[in-house]
Amino acid sequence: GQPEVKLGILPGYGGMQRLPRLAGPGNAASMCANGEPVDGHEAVAIGLADEFCPSAVALPRAVRLAQEVLSGKIRLARRDWDAIAAAQAEDLRRLFASKEVEELLAAPEPDAGNAGDLRAARRNAAREALQALRYGYERGFGAGLANDARAFGKVTASPAGQEWVRRFLDKDPRQSSFLALLPPPEDP
């Protein structure tokens, strides 16, 4: 998942560009709007992980894979992020045609007067995340990364972003409350 939404901010470091291309726009939107994690089995099923390993063997398996990559035994494929996005165009269209996404996109930005409203802060973060996702698909991966950074700064500097980051640092239990803004995506 992308827990940043629980702070009323966006996923950082290009999360709105890489995640949807790996897991699909619908899965990414749900993860970014709701902030809930996926387990290992689901991560494999949606394309975020190549394999699932029980915790008892995960570290040795990861070390072995890293050694194989470093030795050249395994070659990692480079991804063409824009080609992946182009192949997901119909998924993106379907996502943005959904009633739930349309409602999130129409949500107003919280102001200083309602910065402490958890639902408003999360809706704002989800709206900005969805807009960032669409921006990257429409303008390309590189432009999407630059836009992610701009959007992250905008939301984090907003009254709601500042309020909920402060609450996180103060260990306010409300910041981690579950609040579903989007349902899980349906299989096409």
N, C-alpha and C. Protein backbone atom coordinates (compact mmCIF):
# COMPACT_ATOMS: atom_id res chain seq x y z
N GLY A 1 0.81 -1.19 0.00
CA GLY A 1 0.00 0.00 0.00
C GLY A 1 0.85 1.25 0.00
N GLN A 2 0.20 2.34 -0.05
CA GLN A 2 0.86 3.64 0.01
C GLN A 2 0.33 4.37 1.24
N PRO A 3 0.99 4.20 2.39
CA PRO A 3 0.45 4.74 3.63
C PRO A 3 0.49 6.26 3.74
N GLU A 4 1.14 6.94 2.81
CA GLU A 4 1.23 8.39 2.90
C GLU A 4 -0.14 9.06 2.95
N VAL A 5 -1.13 8.45 2.30
CA VAL A 5 -2.46 9.05 2.30
C VAL A 5 -3.00 9.18 3.72
N LYS A 6 -2.55 8.32 4.61
CA LYS A 6 -3.00 8.41 6.01
C LYS A 6 -2.47 9.67 6.68
N LEU A 7 -1.46 10.28 6.07
CA LEU A 7 -0.94 11.56 6.55
C LEU A 7 -1.51 12.73 5.75
N GLY A 8 -2.38 12.42 4.82
CA GLY A 8 -2.93 13.48 3.98
C GLY A 8 -1.96 13.98 2.94
N ILE A 9 -0.95 13.14 2.58
CA ILE A 9 0.02 13.53 1.56
C ILE A 9 0.09 12.45 0.48
N LEU A 10 0.91 12.69 -0.52
CA LEU A 10 1.03 11.77 -1.66
C LEU A 10 2.19 10.79 -1.48
N PRO A 11 2.13 9.68 -2.19
CA PRO A 11 3.30 8.80 -2.24
C PRO A 11 4.47 9.57 -2.87
N GLY A 12 5.63 9.39 -2.32
CA GLY A 12 6.81 10.09 -2.83
C GLY A 12 7.63 9.23 -3.78
N TYR A 13 8.69 9.82 -4.28
CA TYR A 13 9.67 9.13 -5.13
C TYR A 13 9.06 8.44 -6.34
N GLY A 14 8.12 9.11 -6.98
CA GLY A 14 7.55 8.56 -8.20
C GLY A 14 6.55 7.45 -7.99
N GLY A 15 6.01 7.35 -6.79
CA GLY A 15 5.06 6.29 -6.48
C GLY A 15 3.83 6.29 -7.37
N MET A 16 3.44 7.46 -7.84
CA MET A 16 2.26 7.53 -8.71
C MET A 16 2.61 7.24 -10.16
N GLN A 17 3.86 6.98 -10.44
CA GLN A 17 4.26 6.62 -11.80
C GLN A 17 4.64 5.14 -11.89
N ARG A 18 5.42 4.66 -10.95
CA ARG A 18 5.86 3.26 -11.01
C ARG A 18 4.76 2.29 -10.58
N LEU A 19 4.12 2.58 -9.45
CA LEU A 19 3.12 1.66 -8.91
C LEU A 19 2.01 1.33 -9.91
N PRO A 20 1.38 2.31 -10.56
CA PRO A 20 0.30 1.95 -11.48
C PRO A 20 0.79 1.16 -12.69
N ARG A 21 2.01 1.39 -13.10
CA ARG A 21 2.53 0.65 -14.25
C ARG A 21 2.85 -0.80 -13.87
N LEU A 22 3.19 -1.02 -12.61
CA LEU A 22 3.47 -2.38 -12.15
C LEU A 22 2.19 -3.13 -11.76
N ALA A 23 1.32 -2.47 -11.02
CA ALA A 23 0.15 -3.14 -10.46
C ALA A 23 -1.14 -2.84 -11.22
N GLY A 24 -1.08 -1.93 -12.17
CA GLY A 24 -2.27 -1.51 -12.90
C GLY A 24 -2.86 -0.26 -12.26
N PRO A 25 -3.45 0.60 -13.07
CA PRO A 25 -3.98 1.86 -12.55
C PRO A 25 -5.04 1.67 -11.47
N GLY A 26 -5.92 0.70 -11.61
CA GLY A 26 -6.97 0.49 -10.61
C GLY A 26 -6.43 0.07 -9.26
N ASN A 27 -5.50 -0.88 -9.28
CA ASN A 27 -4.88 -1.32 -8.02
C ASN A 27 -4.12 -0.17 -7.37
N ALA A 28 -3.37 0.56 -8.17
CA ALA A 28 -2.59 1.68 -7.63
C ALA A 28 -3.50 2.74 -7.04
N ALA A 29 -4.58 3.06 -7.74
CA ALA A 29 -5.51 4.07 -7.24
C ALA A 29 -6.10 3.65 -5.90
N SER A 30 -6.50 2.40 -5.80
CA SER A 30 -7.07 1.90 -4.55
C SER A 30 -6.03 1.94 -3.43
N MET A 31 -4.81 1.51 -3.73
CA MET A 31 -3.76 1.50 -2.71
C MET A 31 -3.41 2.92 -2.26
N CYS A 32 -3.39 3.85 -3.20
CA CYS A 32 -3.02 5.22 -2.87
C CYS A 32 -4.16 5.99 -2.20
N ALA A 33 -5.38 5.65 -2.53
CA ALA A 33 -6.51 6.34 -1.91
C ALA A 33 -6.79 5.82 -0.51
N ASN A 34 -6.57 4.53 -0.30
CA ASN A 34 -6.92 3.93 0.99
C ASN A 34 -5.73 3.77 1.93
N GLY A 35 -4.53 3.68 1.39
CA GLY A 35 -3.34 3.58 2.22
C GLY A 35 -3.13 2.25 2.89
N GLU A 36 -3.87 1.24 2.48
CA GLU A 36 -3.75 -0.07 3.12
C GLU A 36 -2.75 -0.94 2.36
N PRO A 37 -1.95 -1.69 3.09
CA PRO A 37 -0.95 -2.55 2.44
C PRO A 37 -1.59 -3.78 1.79
N VAL A 38 -0.82 -4.40 0.92
CA VAL A 38 -1.22 -5.69 0.35
C VAL A 38 -0.27 -6.73 0.92
N ASP A 39 -0.75 -7.95 1.05
CA ASP A 39 0.14 -9.00 1.56
C ASP A 39 0.98 -9.56 0.42
N GLY A 40 1.89 -10.44 0.76
CA GLY A 40 2.81 -10.99 -0.23
C GLY A 40 2.14 -11.72 -1.37
N HIS A 41 1.11 -12.48 -1.06
CA HIS A 41 0.41 -13.22 -2.12
C HIS A 41 -0.28 -12.26 -3.09
N GLU A 42 -0.92 -11.23 -2.53
CA GLU A 42 -1.58 -10.25 -3.39
C GLU A 42 -0.56 -9.46 -4.20
N ALA A 43 0.58 -9.15 -3.59
CA ALA A 43 1.64 -8.43 -4.32
C ALA A 43 2.08 -9.20 -5.55
N VAL A 44 2.21 -10.51 -5.43
CA VAL A 44 2.56 -11.34 -6.58
C VAL A 44 1.43 -11.32 -7.60
N ALA A 45 0.20 -11.46 -7.13
CA ALA A 45 -0.96 -11.54 -8.02
C ALA A 45 -1.13 -10.27 -8.85
N ILE A 46 -0.81 -9.11 -8.29
CA ILE A 46 -1.02 -7.86 -9.02
C ILE A 46 0.23 -7.33 -9.71
N GLY A 47 1.33 -8.05 -9.60
CA GLY A 47 2.53 -7.66 -10.33
C GLY A 47 3.55 -6.84 -9.57
N LEU A 48 3.38 -6.69 -8.27
CA LEU A 48 4.35 -5.92 -7.48
C LEU A 48 5.55 -6.75 -7.06
N ALA A 49 5.39 -8.04 -7.03
CA ALA A 49 6.48 -8.92 -6.61
C ALA A 49 6.56 -10.09 -7.58
N ASP A 50 7.74 -10.63 -7.71
CA ASP A 50 7.93 -11.77 -8.61
C ASP A 50 7.61 -13.10 -7.95
N GLU A 51 7.82 -13.15 -6.64
CA GLU A 51 7.51 -14.38 -5.93
C GLU A 51 7.23 -14.08 -4.47
N PHE A 52 6.57 -15.02 -3.82
CA PHE A 52 6.29 -14.91 -2.40
C PHE A 52 7.18 -15.89 -1.66
N CYS A 53 7.77 -15.44 -0.58
CA CYS A 53 8.58 -16.30 0.28
C CYS A 53 8.11 -16.14 1.71
N PRO A 54 7.92 -17.23 2.41
CA PRO A 54 7.61 -17.10 3.84
C PRO A 54 8.74 -16.35 4.55
N SER A 55 8.41 -15.66 5.61
CA SER A 55 9.40 -14.82 6.28
C SER A 55 10.64 -15.58 6.71
N ALA A 56 10.51 -16.84 7.04
CA ALA A 56 11.67 -17.62 7.49
C ALA A 56 12.73 -17.80 6.40
N VAL A 57 12.33 -17.73 5.14
CA VAL A 57 13.29 -17.92 4.06
C VAL A 57 13.46 -16.68 3.18
N ALA A 58 12.73 -15.62 3.49
CA ALA A 58 12.75 -14.43 2.62
C ALA A 58 14.13 -13.78 2.55
N LEU A 59 14.78 -13.57 3.68
CA LEU A 59 16.08 -12.91 3.66
C LEU A 59 17.13 -13.75 2.94
N PRO A 60 17.27 -15.04 3.25
CA PRO A 60 18.25 -15.83 2.50
C PRO A 60 17.95 -15.86 0.99
N ARG A 61 16.68 -15.91 0.64
CA ARG A 61 16.31 -15.91 -0.78
C ARG A 61 16.68 -14.57 -1.42
N ALA A 62 16.42 -13.48 -0.74
CA ALA A 62 16.76 -12.15 -1.27
C ALA A 62 18.27 -12.00 -1.44
N VAL A 63 19.03 -12.48 -0.47
CA VAL A 63 20.49 -12.41 -0.57
C VAL A 63 20.98 -13.23 -1.75
N ARG A 64 20.43 -14.43 -1.92
CA ARG A 64 20.83 -15.29 -3.04
C ARG A 64 20.50 -14.62 -4.38
N LEU A 65 19.32 -14.03 -4.49
CA LEU A 65 18.95 -13.34 -5.72
C LEU A 65 19.88 -12.15 -5.99
N ALA A 66 20.18 -11.40 -4.95
CA ALA A 66 21.09 -10.25 -5.11
C ALA A 66 22.46 -10.72 -5.58
N GLN A 67 22.95 -11.81 -5.02
CA GLN A 67 24.25 -12.34 -5.44
C GLN A 67 24.20 -12.79 -6.90
N GLU A 68 23.10 -13.40 -7.31
CA GLU A 68 22.97 -13.84 -8.70
C GLU A 68 22.91 -12.66 -9.66
N VAL A 69 22.26 -11.58 -9.24
CA VAL A 69 22.22 -10.38 -10.08
C VAL A 69 23.62 -9.77 -10.17
N LEU A 70 24.29 -9.65 -9.04
CA LEU A 70 25.63 -9.06 -9.03
C LEU A 70 26.64 -9.89 -9.82
N SER A 71 26.48 -11.19 -9.81
CA SER A 71 27.41 -12.06 -10.54
C SER A 71 27.10 -12.11 -12.03
N GLY A 72 25.95 -11.59 -12.42
CA GLY A 72 25.56 -11.63 -13.82
C GLY A 72 24.77 -12.87 -14.20
N LYS A 73 24.55 -13.75 -13.26
CA LYS A 73 23.78 -14.97 -13.54
C LYS A 73 22.34 -14.62 -13.90
N ILE A 74 21.81 -13.58 -13.27
CA ILE A 74 20.47 -13.09 -13.59
C ILE A 74 20.63 -11.66 -14.11
N ARG A 75 20.02 -11.40 -15.25
CA ARG A 75 20.02 -10.05 -15.81
C ARG A 75 18.64 -9.44 -15.60
N LEU A 76 18.64 -8.24 -15.07
CA LEU A 76 17.39 -7.55 -14.85
C LEU A 76 16.99 -6.81 -16.12
N ALA A 77 15.75 -6.96 -16.49
CA ALA A 77 15.24 -6.29 -17.69
C ALA A 77 14.93 -4.83 -17.37
N ARG A 78 15.26 -3.97 -18.30
CA ARG A 78 14.88 -2.56 -18.16
C ARG A 78 13.43 -2.43 -18.59
N ARG A 79 12.72 -1.57 -17.92
CA ARG A 79 11.30 -1.38 -18.23
C ARG A 79 11.12 -0.14 -19.10
N ASP A 80 10.25 -0.25 -20.06
CA ASP A 80 9.83 0.90 -20.85
C ASP A 80 8.53 1.38 -20.24
N TRP A 81 8.64 2.30 -19.28
CA TRP A 81 7.49 2.74 -18.51
C TRP A 81 6.40 3.34 -19.38
N ASP A 82 6.78 4.05 -20.43
CA ASP A 82 5.76 4.65 -21.30
C ASP A 82 5.03 3.60 -22.12
N ALA A 83 5.73 2.57 -22.55
CA ALA A 83 5.08 1.48 -23.29
C ALA A 83 4.10 0.73 -22.38
N ILE A 84 4.50 0.55 -21.14
CA ILE A 84 3.60 -0.11 -20.18
C ILE A 84 2.33 0.73 -20.01
N ALA A 85 2.51 2.04 -19.86
CA ALA A 85 1.36 2.93 -19.70
C ALA A 85 0.45 2.88 -20.93
N ALA A 86 1.04 2.86 -22.10
CA ALA A 86 0.24 2.81 -23.33
C ALA A 86 -0.58 1.53 -23.38
N ALA A 87 0.00 0.43 -22.92
CA ALA A 87 -0.73 -0.85 -22.92
C ALA A 87 -1.87 -0.86 -21.90
N GLN A 88 -1.81 0.04 -20.93
CA GLN A 88 -2.84 0.11 -19.89
C GLN A 88 -3.86 1.22 -20.14
N ALA A 89 -3.89 1.76 -21.34
CA ALA A 89 -4.75 2.91 -21.64
C ALA A 89 -6.22 2.63 -21.33
N GLU A 90 -6.69 1.46 -21.68
CA GLU A 90 -8.11 1.13 -21.43
C GLU A 90 -8.38 1.01 -19.93
N ASP A 91 -7.44 0.44 -19.18
CA ASP A 91 -7.59 0.36 -17.72
C ASP A 91 -7.67 1.76 -17.12
N LEU A 92 -6.84 2.66 -17.62
CA LEU A 92 -6.85 4.03 -17.13
C LEU A 92 -8.17 4.72 -17.46
N ARG A 93 -8.65 4.53 -18.67
CA ARG A 93 -9.92 5.12 -19.07
C ARG A 93 -11.05 4.62 -18.18
N ARG A 94 -11.07 3.32 -17.94
CA ARG A 94 -12.11 2.72 -17.10
C ARG A 94 -12.03 3.26 -15.66
N LEU A 95 -10.82 3.41 -15.14
CA LEU A 95 -10.64 3.94 -13.79
C LEU A 95 -11.23 5.34 -13.68
N PHE A 96 -10.88 6.20 -14.62
CA PHE A 96 -11.32 7.59 -14.53
C PHE A 96 -12.79 7.78 -14.93
N ALA A 97 -13.40 6.75 -15.47
CA ALA A 97 -14.83 6.81 -15.78
C ALA A 97 -15.68 6.36 -14.59
N SER A 98 -15.04 5.83 -13.56
CA SER A 98 -15.82 5.31 -12.42
C SER A 98 -16.39 6.46 -11.59
N LYS A 99 -17.54 6.21 -11.03
CA LYS A 99 -18.23 7.21 -10.21
C LYS A 99 -17.38 7.62 -9.01
N GLU A 100 -16.74 6.64 -8.37
CA GLU A 100 -15.94 6.93 -7.17
C GLU A 100 -14.77 7.86 -7.49
N VAL A 101 -14.11 7.62 -8.61
CA VAL A 101 -12.98 8.47 -8.99
C VAL A 101 -13.49 9.85 -9.39
N GLU A 102 -14.58 9.91 -10.11
CA GLU A 102 -15.14 11.22 -10.47
C GLU A 102 -15.46 12.03 -9.22
N GLU A 103 -16.01 11.37 -8.19
CA GLU A 103 -16.32 12.07 -6.94
C GLU A 103 -15.06 12.55 -6.24
N LEU A 104 -14.02 11.71 -6.22
CA LEU A 104 -12.76 12.14 -5.60
C LEU A 104 -12.15 13.32 -6.34
N LEU A 105 -12.21 13.29 -7.65
CA LEU A 105 -11.62 14.38 -8.44
C LEU A 105 -12.38 15.69 -8.23
N ALA A 106 -13.65 15.60 -7.89
CA ALA A 106 -14.46 16.80 -7.66
C ALA A 106 -14.35 17.32 -6.23
N ALA A 107 -13.67 16.59 -5.37
CA ALA A 107 -13.56 16.99 -3.97
C ALA A 107 -12.79 18.31 -3.85
N PRO A 108 -13.28 19.21 -3.02
CA PRO A 108 -12.57 20.48 -2.84
C PRO A 108 -11.31 20.30 -2.00
N GLU A 109 -10.38 21.21 -2.20
CA GLU A 109 -9.17 21.20 -1.36
C GLU A 109 -9.54 21.69 0.03
N PRO A 110 -9.02 21.01 1.06
CA PRO A 110 -9.28 21.52 2.40
C PRO A 110 -8.52 22.84 2.62
N ASP A 111 -9.09 23.68 3.45
CA ASP A 111 -8.40 24.93 3.78
C ASP A 111 -8.03 24.89 5.26
N ALA A 112 -7.50 25.98 5.74
CA ALA A 112 -7.06 26.02 7.14
C ALA A 112 -8.20 25.71 8.10
N GLY A 113 -9.42 26.06 7.72
CA GLY A 113 -10.58 25.83 8.58
C GLY A 113 -10.94 24.38 8.77
N ASN A 114 -10.63 23.53 7.79
CA ASN A 114 -10.96 22.11 7.95
C ASN A 114 -9.73 21.21 7.77
N ALA A 115 -8.56 21.76 8.06
CA ALA A 115 -7.32 20.99 7.92
C ALA A 115 -7.29 19.77 8.83
N GLY A 116 -8.00 19.80 9.94
CA GLY A 116 -8.02 18.67 10.86
C GLY A 116 -9.04 17.61 10.51
N ASP A 117 -9.77 17.81 9.44
CA ASP A 117 -10.78 16.85 9.00
C ASP A 117 -10.08 15.72 8.23
N LEU A 118 -10.02 14.55 8.85
CA LEU A 118 -9.30 13.42 8.26
C LEU A 118 -9.83 13.07 6.88
N ARG A 119 -11.12 12.99 6.74
CA ARG A 119 -11.69 12.63 5.43
C ARG A 119 -11.32 13.66 4.37
N ALA A 120 -11.39 14.94 4.70
CA ALA A 120 -11.03 15.98 3.74
C ALA A 120 -9.56 15.89 3.36
N ALA A 121 -8.70 15.67 4.34
CA ALA A 121 -7.26 15.56 4.05
C ALA A 121 -6.96 14.37 3.16
N ARG A 122 -7.58 13.25 3.46
CA ARG A 122 -7.32 12.05 2.65
C ARG A 122 -7.93 12.16 1.26
N ARG A 123 -9.10 12.76 1.18
CA ARG A 123 -9.70 12.96 -0.15
C ARG A 123 -8.81 13.87 -0.99
N ASN A 124 -8.26 14.89 -0.36
CA ASN A 124 -7.36 15.79 -1.08
C ASN A 124 -6.13 15.04 -1.57
N ALA A 125 -5.52 14.25 -0.70
CA ALA A 125 -4.34 13.49 -1.10
C ALA A 125 -4.69 12.49 -2.21
N ALA A 126 -5.82 11.83 -2.07
CA ALA A 126 -6.23 10.86 -3.10
C ALA A 126 -6.50 11.56 -4.42
N ARG A 127 -7.15 12.71 -4.37
CA ARG A 127 -7.44 13.47 -5.60
C ARG A 127 -6.14 13.86 -6.29
N GLU A 128 -5.21 14.39 -5.53
CA GLU A 128 -3.93 14.80 -6.11
C GLU A 128 -3.16 13.59 -6.65
N ALA A 129 -3.24 12.46 -5.94
CA ALA A 129 -2.55 11.25 -6.41
C ALA A 129 -3.15 10.77 -7.73
N LEU A 130 -4.46 10.79 -7.83
CA LEU A 130 -5.11 10.38 -9.08
C LEU A 130 -4.75 11.33 -10.22
N GLN A 131 -4.72 12.61 -9.94
CA GLN A 131 -4.33 13.57 -10.97
C GLN A 131 -2.88 13.35 -11.40
N ALA A 132 -2.02 13.03 -10.44
CA ALA A 132 -0.61 12.76 -10.77
C ALA A 132 -0.49 11.50 -11.61
N LEU A 133 -1.26 10.48 -11.27
CA LEU A 133 -1.25 9.24 -12.05
C LEU A 133 -1.63 9.54 -13.50
N ARG A 134 -2.73 10.25 -13.67
CA ARG A 134 -3.21 10.56 -15.03
C ARG A 134 -2.20 11.42 -15.78
N TYR A 135 -1.62 12.39 -15.10
CA TYR A 135 -0.64 13.28 -15.73
C TYR A 135 0.51 12.47 -16.33
N GLY A 136 1.04 11.53 -15.56
CA GLY A 136 2.15 10.71 -16.04
C GLY A 136 1.78 9.82 -17.21
N TYR A 137 0.56 9.32 -17.20
CA TYR A 137 0.12 8.48 -18.31
C TYR A 137 -0.08 9.32 -19.57
N GLU A 138 -0.55 10.54 -19.41
CA GLU A 138 -0.81 11.40 -20.57
C GLU A 138 0.45 12.07 -21.11
N ARG A 139 1.41 12.38 -20.24
CA ARG A 139 2.57 13.16 -20.67
C ARG A 139 3.89 12.40 -20.63
N GLY A 140 3.85 11.18 -20.14
CA GLY A 140 5.05 10.37 -20.12
C GLY A 140 5.65 10.24 -18.74
N PHE A 141 6.44 9.20 -18.60
CA PHE A 141 7.01 8.83 -17.30
C PHE A 141 7.87 9.94 -16.71
N GLY A 142 8.77 10.49 -17.50
CA GLY A 142 9.66 11.55 -16.99
C GLY A 142 8.89 12.78 -16.53
N ALA A 143 7.93 13.21 -17.33
CA ALA A 143 7.10 14.35 -16.95
C ALA A 143 6.28 14.01 -15.71
N GLY A 144 5.85 12.76 -15.63
CA GLY A 144 5.08 12.32 -14.47
C GLY A 144 5.90 12.39 -13.19
N LEU A 145 7.17 11.98 -13.27
CA LEU A 145 8.03 12.06 -12.09
C LEU A 145 8.19 13.50 -11.62
N ALA A 146 8.41 14.41 -12.56
CA ALA A 146 8.56 15.82 -12.20
C ALA A 146 7.27 16.35 -11.59
N ASN A 147 6.14 15.96 -12.15
CA ASN A 147 4.86 16.39 -11.62
C ASN A 147 4.60 15.80 -10.24
N ASP A 148 5.00 14.54 -10.02
CA ASP A 148 4.84 13.93 -8.70
C ASP A 148 5.54 14.78 -7.64
N ALA A 149 6.74 15.22 -7.94
CA ALA A 149 7.50 16.03 -6.97
C ALA A 149 6.77 17.34 -6.68
N ARG A 150 6.25 17.97 -7.72
CA ARG A 150 5.52 19.23 -7.54
C ARG A 150 4.26 18.99 -6.70
N ALA A 151 3.50 17.95 -7.05
CA ALA A 151 2.25 17.66 -6.34
C ALA A 151 2.53 17.27 -4.89
N PHE A 152 3.60 16.51 -4.66
CA PHE A 152 3.97 16.12 -3.29
C PHE A 152 4.23 17.38 -2.45
N GLY A 153 5.00 18.30 -3.01
CA GLY A 153 5.28 19.55 -2.29
C GLY A 153 4.03 20.35 -2.02
N LYS A 154 3.16 20.44 -3.01
CA LYS A 154 1.91 21.20 -2.86
C LYS A 154 1.06 20.63 -1.74
N VAL A 155 0.86 19.33 -1.76
CA VAL A 155 -0.02 18.71 -0.76
C VAL A 155 0.62 18.73 0.62
N THR A 156 1.91 18.46 0.69
CA THR A 156 2.59 18.44 1.98
C THR A 156 2.62 19.82 2.62
N ALA A 157 2.72 20.86 1.81
CA ALA A 157 2.74 22.23 2.33
C ALA A 157 1.35 22.78 2.62
N SER A 158 0.32 22.07 2.21
CA SER A 158 -1.05 22.55 2.44
C SER A 158 -1.37 22.51 3.94
N PRO A 159 -2.36 23.27 4.37
CA PRO A 159 -2.74 23.22 5.80
C PRO A 159 -3.09 21.79 6.25
N ALA A 160 -3.81 21.05 5.42
CA ALA A 160 -4.18 19.68 5.81
C ALA A 160 -2.94 18.79 5.87
N GLY A 161 -2.06 18.89 4.89
CA GLY A 161 -0.85 18.09 4.91
C GLY A 161 -0.01 18.37 6.14
N GLN A 162 0.17 19.63 6.45
CA GLN A 162 0.95 20.00 7.63
C GLN A 162 0.29 19.51 8.92
N GLU A 163 -1.02 19.63 8.99
CA GLU A 163 -1.75 19.20 10.19
C GLU A 163 -1.60 17.70 10.42
N TRP A 164 -1.77 16.90 9.37
CA TRP A 164 -1.74 15.45 9.56
C TRP A 164 -0.32 14.91 9.70
N VAL A 165 0.65 15.55 9.11
CA VAL A 165 2.04 15.15 9.36
C VAL A 165 2.39 15.46 10.82
N ARG A 166 1.94 16.62 11.30
CA ARG A 166 2.17 16.96 12.71
C ARG A 166 1.53 15.91 13.62
N ARG A 167 0.30 15.53 13.29
CA ARG A 167 -0.38 14.52 14.11
C ARG A 167 0.35 13.18 14.07
N PHE A 168 0.90 12.85 12.92
CA PHE A 168 1.69 11.62 12.82
C PHE A 168 2.90 11.71 13.75
N LEU A 169 3.61 12.81 13.68
CA LEU A 169 4.79 12.98 14.53
C LEU A 169 4.43 12.99 16.01
N ASP A 170 3.22 13.47 16.31
CA ASP A 170 2.73 13.47 17.69
C ASP A 170 2.11 12.13 18.08
N LYS A 171 2.12 11.17 17.15
CA LYS A 171 1.56 9.84 17.36
C LYS A 171 0.05 9.87 17.66
N ASP A 172 -0.65 10.75 16.98
CA ASP A 172 -2.10 10.84 17.10
C ASP A 172 -2.70 9.57 16.47
N PRO A 173 -3.45 8.77 17.23
CA PRO A 173 -3.96 7.51 16.69
C PRO A 173 -4.95 7.68 15.54
N ARG A 174 -5.56 8.84 15.41
CA ARG A 174 -6.54 9.03 14.33
C ARG A 174 -5.90 9.01 12.95
N GLN A 175 -4.62 9.35 12.86
CA GLN A 175 -3.99 9.42 11.54
C GLN A 175 -3.89 8.05 10.89
N SER A 176 -3.95 6.98 11.66
CA SER A 176 -3.82 5.65 11.06
C SER A 176 -5.17 4.95 10.89
N SER A 177 -6.25 5.66 11.13
CA SER A 177 -7.57 5.06 11.00
C SER A 177 -7.83 4.61 9.57
N PHE A 178 -8.52 3.49 9.45
CA PHE A 178 -8.87 3.01 8.12
C PHE A 178 -10.03 3.83 7.58
N LEU A 179 -9.89 4.29 6.38
CA LEU A 179 -10.92 5.08 5.73
C LEU A 179 -10.85 4.76 4.24
N ALA A 180 -11.74 3.92 3.78
CA ALA A 180 -11.72 3.52 2.37
C ALA A 180 -12.35 4.61 1.52
N LEU A 181 -11.59 5.11 0.56
CA LEU A 181 -12.09 6.12 -0.36
C LEU A 181 -12.43 5.52 -1.71
N LEU A 182 -11.76 4.44 -2.08
CA LEU A 182 -12.04 3.76 -3.35
C LEU A 182 -12.18 2.27 -3.08
N PRO A 183 -13.09 1.62 -3.76
CA PRO A 183 -13.20 0.16 -3.62
C PRO A 183 -12.06 -0.51 -4.37
N PRO A 184 -11.78 -1.78 -4.07
CA PRO A 184 -10.78 -2.49 -4.86
C PRO A 184 -11.23 -2.55 -6.31
N PRO A 185 -10.29 -2.54 -7.24
CA PRO A 185 -10.69 -2.57 -8.66
C PRO A 185 -11.34 -3.90 -9.02
N GLU A 186 -12.27 -3.82 -9.93
CA GLU A 186 -12.91 -5.04 -10.43
C GLU A 186 -12.05 -5.61 -11.55
N ASP A 187 -12.08 -6.92 -11.69
CA ASP A 187 -11.37 -7.54 -12.81
C ASP A 187 -12.09 -7.18 -14.10
N PRO A 188 -11.32 -6.79 -15.14
CA PRO A 188 -11.97 -6.41 -16.41
C PRO A 188 -12.64 -7.58 -17.09
